[in-house]
C-alpha cells in the first residue's frame, strides 16, 4: 500500500492540545474525505535513533509529530493535493499550526499481515 509520511514541528506558541483539537476537528476529517486517503494516523515522536555502520544510538529528535497517510496510490493523492480545496482550505489552516515539515512518499516493500 502506498504511504505518505509527513514529519513536522509545531510553530512556537502552538500547544499540542491546540494542535490535536485542529487534527480532530479539521485535519483528520478533511484528509480522510480525500479520495486517495484510506487512513490518516497522527503520532507524537517519542525518540530517535541513528546508526552509521554499527548499532543505533539515540539522537535529538528532529521532528515532534509524524503523520502516516495510507493511500490508494501516490498519483491519486497528488491529484487530491492539486485540488482547490486542498490548496485554499487545507494548506493555509495547516500552516497556522506547523512551522516546518518533511514529506516522504513510499511504496510498501514488505507487509507481514499478508495484505
Protein backbone atom coordinates (compact mmCIF):
# COMPACT_ATOMS: atom_id res chain seq x y z
CA UNK A 1 0.00 0.00 0.00
CA UNK A 2 1.40 3.42 -0.88
CA UNK A 3 2.06 5.72 2.06
CA UNK A 4 2.97 9.30 2.71
CA UNK A 5 4.87 10.16 5.86
CA UNK A 6 4.73 13.77 6.99
CA UNK A 7 7.19 14.77 9.72
CA UNK A 8 6.70 18.18 11.24
CA UNK A 9 7.29 20.63 14.04
CA UNK A 10 4.68 22.89 15.54
CA UNK A 11 5.05 26.65 15.43
CA UNK A 12 6.29 28.37 18.55
CA UNK A 13 3.33 29.10 20.78
CA UNK A 14 1.17 26.27 19.39
CA UNK A 15 0.38 23.80 22.15
CA UNK A 16 -0.01 20.12 21.45
CA UNK A 17 -3.53 20.41 22.88
CA UNK A 18 -4.46 23.12 20.33
CA UNK A 19 -2.87 21.12 17.54
CA UNK A 20 -4.77 17.96 18.47
CA UNK A 21 -8.03 19.93 18.50
CA UNK A 22 -7.17 21.08 14.95
CA UNK A 23 -6.37 17.47 13.96
CA UNK A 24 -9.62 16.08 15.38
CA UNK A 25 -11.90 18.85 14.17
CA UNK A 26 -10.36 19.76 10.80
CA UNK A 27 -7.26 17.93 9.54
CA UNK A 28 -8.47 14.37 10.14
CA UNK A 29 -11.95 14.88 8.69
CA UNK A 30 -10.54 16.83 5.72
CA UNK A 31 -7.82 14.34 4.76
CA UNK A 32 -9.99 11.28 5.17
CA UNK A 33 -12.53 12.82 2.75
CA UNK A 34 -9.86 12.92 0.04
CA UNK A 35 -10.45 10.15 -2.49
CA UNK A 36 -6.89 8.77 -2.24
CA UNK A 37 -6.68 8.61 1.57
CA UNK A 38 -7.63 5.32 3.21
CA UNK A 39 -6.31 6.21 6.68
CA UNK A 40 -4.61 9.17 8.39
CA UNK A 41 -2.66 8.49 11.58
CA UNK A 42 -1.01 11.26 13.62
CA UNK A 43 1.61 10.34 16.22
CA UNK A 44 3.84 12.12 18.75
CA UNK A 45 7.51 11.35 18.14
CA UNK A 46 8.98 9.99 21.37
CA UNK A 47 12.61 9.48 20.32
CA UNK A 48 15.06 8.94 17.51
CA UNK A 49 17.90 6.53 16.88
CA UNK A 50 20.62 6.75 14.26
CA UNK A 51 23.25 4.29 13.09
CA UNK A 52 26.26 4.56 10.84
CA UNK A 53 27.91 1.18 10.38
CA UNK A 54 27.08 -0.02 13.89
CA UNK A 55 24.29 -0.30 16.41
CA UNK A 56 21.85 2.60 16.59
CA UNK A 57 22.19 5.21 19.27
CA UNK A 58 19.91 7.98 20.49
CA UNK A 59 19.97 11.36 18.73
CA UNK A 60 17.96 14.52 19.18
CA UNK A 61 14.52 14.10 17.68
CA UNK A 62 14.34 16.31 14.56
CA UNK A 63 10.52 16.37 14.44
CA UNK A 64 7.74 16.49 17.06
CA UNK A 65 4.92 14.92 15.05
CA UNK A 66 4.77 12.14 12.46
CA UNK A 67 1.68 11.52 10.34
CA UNK A 68 1.16 8.49 8.13
CA UNK A 69 -1.31 8.51 5.28
CA UNK A 70 -2.31 5.14 3.81
CA UNK A 71 -3.14 5.84 0.18
CA UNK A 72 -4.86 4.22 -2.78
CA UNK A 73 -1.98 5.49 -4.95
CA UNK A 74 0.66 8.19 -4.88
CA UNK A 75 -0.65 9.55 -8.17
CA UNK A 76 -4.21 9.82 -6.88
CA UNK A 77 -3.01 11.65 -3.78
CA UNK A 78 -1.03 14.02 -5.99
CA UNK A 79 -4.28 14.89 -7.77
CA UNK A 80 -6.03 15.44 -4.43
CA UNK A 81 -3.20 17.77 -3.36
CA UNK A 82 -3.70 19.83 -6.52
CA UNK A 83 -7.37 20.46 -5.77
CA UNK A 84 -8.68 23.91 -4.95
CA UNK A 85 -9.96 22.73 -1.56
CA UNK A 86 -6.57 21.31 -0.60
CA UNK A 87 -4.67 24.43 -1.67
CA UNK A 88 -7.16 27.02 -0.41
CA UNK A 89 -8.70 25.34 2.65
CA UNK A 90 -6.25 22.75 3.98
CA UNK A 91 -2.78 24.24 3.42
CA UNK A 92 -3.50 27.69 4.92
CA UNK A 93 -5.03 26.10 8.05
CA UNK A 94 -2.18 23.59 8.34
CA UNK A 95 0.33 26.46 8.08
CA UNK A 96 -1.27 28.12 11.13
CA UNK A 97 -0.01 25.24 13.29
CA UNK A 98 3.08 23.85 11.59
CA UNK A 99 6.49 25.50 11.37
CA UNK A 100 8.30 23.11 9.03
CA UNK A 101 7.65 19.70 7.57
CA UNK A 102 9.22 16.94 5.53
CA UNK A 103 7.21 14.66 3.24
CA UNK A 104 8.32 11.12 2.41
CA UNK A 105 6.35 9.26 -0.26
CA UNK A 106 6.74 5.50 -0.20
CA UNK A 107 5.59 2.18 -1.64
CA UNK A 108 5.49 -0.84 0.68
CA UNK A 109 8.15 -3.47 0.11
CA UNK A 110 7.01 -5.87 2.82
CA UNK A 111 3.83 -6.38 4.83
CA UNK A 112 3.79 -9.11 7.46
CA UNK A 113 -0.02 -9.20 7.50
CA UNK A 114 -0.11 -10.70 4.03
CA UNK A 115 -2.23 -7.86 2.65
